[in-house]
């Protein structure tokens, strides 16, 4: 199991594949945080709007970072 995880993490991917994995991971972590918080305290700490907003902001940061990388590589 440890080898399969290691192989998956070190696999060569395109930048958008890595970005998709990190975006999906962020979204899943935020949803799990929301669910665990609700189960234990019956209080919702993160609204769906917050979760989607944070995910969208992260997408924007990733796209800007990629554009910056491409411009820096062409100089």
Protein backbone atom coordinates (compact mmCIF):
# COMPACT_ATOMS: atom_id res chain seq x y z
CA UNK A 1 0.00 0.00 0.00
CA UNK A 2 2.82 2.38 0.89
CA UNK A 3 4.50 1.73 -2.47
CA UNK A 4 1.30 2.45 -4.41
CA UNK A 5 0.85 5.78 -2.62
CA UNK A 6 4.51 6.63 -3.23
CA UNK A 7 4.19 5.75 -6.92
CA UNK A 8 1.02 7.83 -7.26
CA UNK A 9 2.58 10.88 -5.62
CA UNK A 10 5.76 10.70 -7.70
CA UNK A 11 4.02 10.04 -11.02
CA UNK A 12 4.68 12.58 -13.78
CA UNK A 13 1.60 14.64 -14.55
CA UNK A 14 0.63 17.74 -16.43
CA UNK A 15 0.18 20.87 -14.33
CA UNK A 16 -3.62 20.85 -14.69
CA UNK A 17 -3.79 17.29 -13.38
CA UNK A 18 -1.83 18.27 -10.27
CA UNK A 19 -4.01 21.36 -9.91
CA UNK A 20 -7.16 19.25 -10.19
CA UNK A 21 -5.94 16.83 -7.55
CA UNK A 22 -5.07 19.66 -5.15
CA UNK A 23 -8.39 21.47 -5.78
CA UNK A 24 -10.36 18.28 -5.19
CA UNK A 25 -8.33 17.55 -2.05
CA UNK A 26 -9.00 21.03 -0.67
CA UNK A 27 -12.73 20.71 -1.38
CA UNK A 28 -12.93 17.27 0.28
CA UNK A 29 -11.03 18.45 3.36
CA UNK A 30 -13.33 21.46 3.76
CA UNK A 31 -16.45 19.30 3.38
CA UNK A 32 -15.12 16.78 5.92
CA UNK A 33 -14.36 19.66 8.31
CA UNK A 34 -17.93 20.89 7.88
CA UNK A 35 -19.41 17.43 8.48
CA UNK A 36 -17.23 16.61 11.50
CA UNK A 37 -17.98 19.97 13.06
CA UNK A 38 -21.70 19.46 12.58
CA UNK A 39 -21.66 15.90 13.94
CA UNK A 40 -19.84 16.81 17.14
CA UNK A 41 -21.19 20.29 17.90
CA UNK A 42 -24.39 20.54 15.84
CA UNK A 43 -23.00 23.87 14.59
CA UNK A 44 -22.06 24.52 10.98
CA UNK A 45 -18.67 26.26 10.94
CA UNK A 46 -18.36 26.54 7.17
CA UNK A 47 -21.23 27.36 4.85
CA UNK A 48 -21.35 25.99 1.32
CA UNK A 49 -20.73 29.50 0.04
CA UNK A 50 -17.54 29.71 2.08
CA UNK A 51 -16.36 26.30 0.89
CA UNK A 52 -17.02 27.19 -2.75
CA UNK A 53 -15.50 30.65 -2.32
CA UNK A 54 -12.29 29.30 -0.81
CA UNK A 55 -12.06 26.67 -3.55
CA UNK A 56 -12.65 29.28 -6.25
CA UNK A 57 -10.03 31.59 -4.72
CA UNK A 58 -7.58 28.69 -4.69
CA UNK A 59 -8.28 28.04 -8.38
CA UNK A 60 -7.58 31.70 -9.17
CA UNK A 61 -4.31 31.58 -7.21
CA UNK A 62 -3.23 28.42 -9.06
CA UNK A 63 -4.02 29.92 -12.49
CA UNK A 64 -2.19 33.18 -11.70
CA UNK A 65 0.78 31.21 -10.37
CA UNK A 66 0.87 29.11 -13.57
CA UNK A 67 0.70 32.20 -15.78
CA UNK A 68 3.55 33.73 -13.78
CA UNK A 69 5.60 30.53 -14.20
CA UNK A 70 5.03 30.52 -17.96
CA UNK A 71 5.99 34.18 -18.31
CA UNK A 72 9.09 33.67 -16.20
CA UNK A 73 10.12 30.65 -18.30
CA UNK A 74 9.82 32.63 -21.55
CA UNK A 75 12.02 35.48 -20.41
